Protein backbone atom coordinates (compact mmCIF):
# COMPACT_ATOMS: atom_id res chain seq x y z
CA MET A 1 135.40 -181.30 268.65
CA GLY A 2 132.95 -183.43 266.67
CA ARG A 3 135.73 -185.71 265.41
CA LEU A 4 137.00 -186.28 268.95
CA ILE A 5 133.52 -187.23 270.13
CA ASP A 6 133.12 -189.64 267.21
CA GLU A 7 136.47 -191.27 268.06
CA MET A 8 135.47 -191.59 271.71
CA LYS A 9 132.15 -193.19 270.76
CA GLN A 10 133.96 -195.69 268.53
CA ALA A 11 136.42 -196.52 271.33
CA ILE A 12 133.50 -197.26 273.66
CA VAL A 13 131.92 -199.56 271.06
CA ASP A 14 135.22 -201.41 270.56
CA VAL A 15 135.60 -202.16 274.28
CA TYR A 16 133.57 -205.16 275.34
CA PRO A 17 134.23 -208.35 277.29
CA LEU A 18 136.23 -210.68 275.07
CA LEU A 19 135.39 -214.36 275.22
CA PHE A 20 137.60 -216.86 273.46
CA ASP A 21 136.90 -220.30 272.05
CA PRO A 22 138.75 -222.94 274.07
CA ILE A 23 141.32 -225.15 272.39
CA TYR A 24 140.82 -228.78 273.38
CA GLN A 25 143.90 -230.97 273.50
CA THR A 26 143.70 -234.70 272.86
CA ARG A 27 145.79 -236.65 275.37
CA ILE A 28 146.19 -240.38 275.96
CA TRP A 29 145.11 -239.87 279.59
CA GLY A 30 142.12 -237.81 278.50
CA GLY A 31 138.48 -238.71 278.57
CA ARG A 32 135.10 -236.97 278.82
CA ARG A 33 135.23 -235.60 282.36
CA LEU A 34 135.82 -232.01 281.22
CA GLU A 35 132.28 -232.04 279.80
CA THR A 36 130.81 -232.18 283.29
CA LEU A 37 133.51 -230.09 284.98
CA LEU A 38 133.27 -227.24 282.47
CA GLY A 39 129.66 -227.78 281.38
CA ARG A 40 130.61 -227.93 277.70
CA SER A 41 130.26 -230.25 274.76
CA LEU A 42 133.60 -231.72 273.72
CA PRO A 43 134.60 -232.95 270.27
CA PRO A 44 133.13 -236.45 269.84
CA ALA A 45 135.14 -239.66 270.16
CA GLU A 46 138.38 -238.01 271.28
CA PRO A 47 140.05 -238.38 274.69
CA ILE A 48 140.30 -234.72 275.73
CA GLY A 49 142.90 -234.20 278.45
CA GLU A 50 143.30 -230.42 278.46
CA SER A 51 141.29 -227.31 277.70
CA TRP A 52 143.43 -224.32 276.84
CA GLU A 53 141.27 -221.34 277.72
CA LEU A 54 143.71 -218.77 276.33
CA SER A 55 146.73 -219.43 274.13
CA ASP A 56 148.89 -217.59 271.64
CA LEU A 57 151.19 -220.43 270.61
CA PRO A 58 151.78 -220.90 266.87
CA GLY A 59 149.15 -223.31 265.62
CA ALA A 60 147.08 -222.93 268.80
CA GLU A 61 145.96 -219.31 268.78
CA SER A 62 142.84 -218.47 270.78
CA ARG A 63 140.20 -216.70 268.71
CA VAL A 64 137.54 -214.23 269.82
CA ARG A 65 134.14 -215.91 270.07
CA HIS A 66 131.79 -212.95 269.34
CA GLY A 67 131.42 -209.27 268.52
CA PRO A 68 133.29 -207.05 266.07
CA ALA A 69 136.56 -208.92 266.65
CA ARG A 70 135.01 -212.36 266.13
CA GLY A 71 137.48 -214.86 264.71
CA ARG A 72 140.53 -212.67 265.31
CA PRO A 73 143.47 -214.38 267.02
CA LEU A 74 144.73 -213.13 270.35
CA HIS A 75 147.96 -211.68 268.92
CA ALA A 76 145.98 -209.52 266.45
CA LEU A 77 144.08 -207.61 269.13
């Protein structure tokens, strides 16, 4: 019984709201407007045209922003 309780406690700790770092896409039509629309700082001196909030494409994998899974890509969760 003690082992089951320990496993349940660990499962509760592992469940938390996951936030991901956005992936900003440079586009020729881009600019700085997403800074005000999203209330974020964008990479400097680049025309940002898209903000991918969640992606699992090769080379553009969203990563967890905080907590025990910090830095892990979406497909590894």
